[in-house]
Amino acid sequence: MAARGDLDRIRREQVFLASMARRMLATNILTDPDALERLMAALRASVTVDDLAQHAGHQSCTN
């Protein structure tokens, strides 16, 4: 089997995110304010989101 590099990584990420979404829906995290706040705090502590406009060099994206 040939390694497909990025395509395999993308698929694994999709499977992981789908699993997380199913778990959040099954455990009612999205409807429990305390649980949702804990989830958001964990996400803020561990996820970095790049500013697309900064990387693209387009000021118009921020307006």
C-alpha atoms as a PDB file:
ATOM      1  CA  MET A   1       0.000   0.000   0.000  1.00  0.00           C
ATOM      2  CA  ALA A   2       1.449   3.354  -1.022  1.00  0.00           C
ATOM      3  CA  ALA A   3       1.520   6.147   1.517  1.00  0.00           C
ATOM      4  CA  ARG A   4      -0.710   9.049   0.549  1.00  0.00           C
ATOM      5  CA  GLY A   5       0.788  11.563   2.971  1.00  0.00           C
ATOM      6  CA  ASP A   6      -1.445  14.597   3.380  1.00  0.00           C
ATOM      7  CA  LEU A   7      -4.551  12.840   2.064  1.00  0.00           C
ATOM      8  CA  ASP A   8      -4.286  10.193   4.783  1.00  0.00           C
ATOM      9  CA  ARG A   9      -3.689  12.870   7.430  1.00  0.00           C
ATOM     10  CA  ILE A  10      -6.723  14.825   6.244  1.00  0.00           C
ATOM     11  CA  ARG A  11      -8.889  11.682   6.399  1.00  0.00           C
ATOM     12  CA  ARG A  12      -7.701  10.888   9.936  1.00  0.00           C
ATOM     13  CA  GLU A  13      -8.506  14.453  11.002  1.00  0.00           C
ATOM     14  CA  GLN A  14     -11.989  14.191   9.468  1.00  0.00           C
ATOM     15  CA  VAL A  15     -12.641  10.914  11.305  1.00  0.00           C
ATOM     16  CA  PHE A  16     -11.436  12.449  14.578  1.00  0.00           C
ATOM     17  CA  LEU A  17     -13.594  15.575  14.208  1.00  0.00           C
ATOM     18  CA  ALA A  18     -16.659  13.512  13.288  1.00  0.00           C
ATOM     19  CA  SER A  19     -16.094  11.348  16.363  1.00  0.00           C
ATOM     20  CA  MET A  20     -15.813  14.453  18.568  1.00  0.00           C
ATOM     21  CA  ALA A  21     -19.031  15.891  17.105  1.00  0.00           C
ATOM     22  CA  ARG A  22     -20.924  12.627  17.693  1.00  0.00           C
ATOM     23  CA  ARG A  23     -19.695  12.495  21.283  1.00  0.00           C
ATOM     24  CA  MET A  24     -20.676  16.109  21.973  1.00  0.00           C
ATOM     25  CA  LEU A  25     -24.165  15.520  20.573  1.00  0.00           C
ATOM     26  CA  ALA A  26     -24.602  12.221  22.422  1.00  0.00           C
ATOM     27  CA  THR A  27     -23.610  13.714  25.772  1.00  0.00           C
ATOM     28  CA  ASN A  28     -25.571  16.974  25.364  1.00  0.00           C
ATOM     29  CA  ILE A  29     -22.467  19.098  25.865  1.00  0.00           C
ATOM     30  CA  LEU A  30     -23.859  21.742  23.543  1.00  0.00           C
ATOM     31  CA  THR A  31     -26.997  22.200  25.665  1.00  0.00           C
ATOM     32  CA  ASP A  32     -25.285  22.209  29.082  1.00  0.00           C
ATOM     33  CA  PRO A  33     -23.850  25.703  29.738  1.00  0.00           C
ATOM     34  CA  ASP A  34     -21.277  24.486  32.284  1.00  0.00           C
ATOM     35  CA  ALA A  35     -20.081  21.644  30.059  1.00  0.00           C
ATOM     36  CA  LEU A  36     -19.965  23.963  27.064  1.00  0.00           C
ATOM     37  CA  GLU A  37     -17.858  26.483  28.977  1.00  0.00           C
ATOM     38  CA  ARG A  38     -15.412  23.733  29.993  1.00  0.00           C
ATOM     39  CA  LEU A  39     -15.204  22.622  26.363  1.00  0.00           C
ATOM     40  CA  MET A  40     -14.566  26.175  25.167  1.00  0.00           C
ATOM     41  CA  ALA A  41     -11.871  26.698  27.824  1.00  0.00           C
ATOM     42  CA  ALA A  42     -10.144  23.490  26.729  1.00  0.00           C
ATOM     43  CA  LEU A  43     -10.331  24.568  23.087  1.00  0.00           C
ATOM     44  CA  ARG A  44      -8.953  28.031  23.854  1.00  0.00           C
ATOM     45  CA  ALA A  45      -6.050  26.438  25.719  1.00  0.00           C
ATOM     46  CA  SER A  46      -5.132  23.945  23.025  1.00  0.00           C
ATOM     47  CA  VAL A  47      -6.184  25.259  19.608  1.00  0.00           C
ATOM     48  CA  THR A  48      -4.535  28.023  17.621  1.00  0.00           C
ATOM     49  CA  VAL A  49      -6.390  29.705  14.795  1.00  0.00           C
ATOM     50  CA  ASP A  50      -4.319  31.664  12.300  1.00  0.00           C
ATOM     51  CA  ASP A  51      -5.501  35.012  11.016  1.00  0.00           C
ATOM     52  CA  LEU A  52      -6.173  34.248   7.352  1.00  0.00           C
ATOM     53  CA  ALA A  53      -5.908  37.912   6.342  1.00  0.00           C
ATOM     54  CA  GLN A  54      -2.460  38.216   7.912  1.00  0.00           C
ATOM     55  CA  HIS A  55      -1.143  35.167   6.067  1.00  0.00           C
ATOM     56  CA  ALA A  56      -2.744  36.130   2.783  1.00  0.00           C
ATOM     57  CA  GLY A  57      -1.531  39.723   3.034  1.00  0.00           C
ATOM     58  CA  HIS A  58      -4.990  41.149   2.305  1.00  0.00           C
ATOM     59  CA  GLN A  59      -6.251  43.929   4.515  1.00  0.00           C
ATOM     60  CA  SER A  60      -9.710  43.755   2.951  1.00  0.00           C
ATOM     61  CA  CYS A  61     -10.363  40.399   4.644  1.00  0.00           C
ATOM     62  CA  THR A  62     -10.480  42.083   8.062  1.00  0.00           C
ATOM     63  CA  ASN A  63     -12.991  44.780   7.100  1.00  0.00           C
END
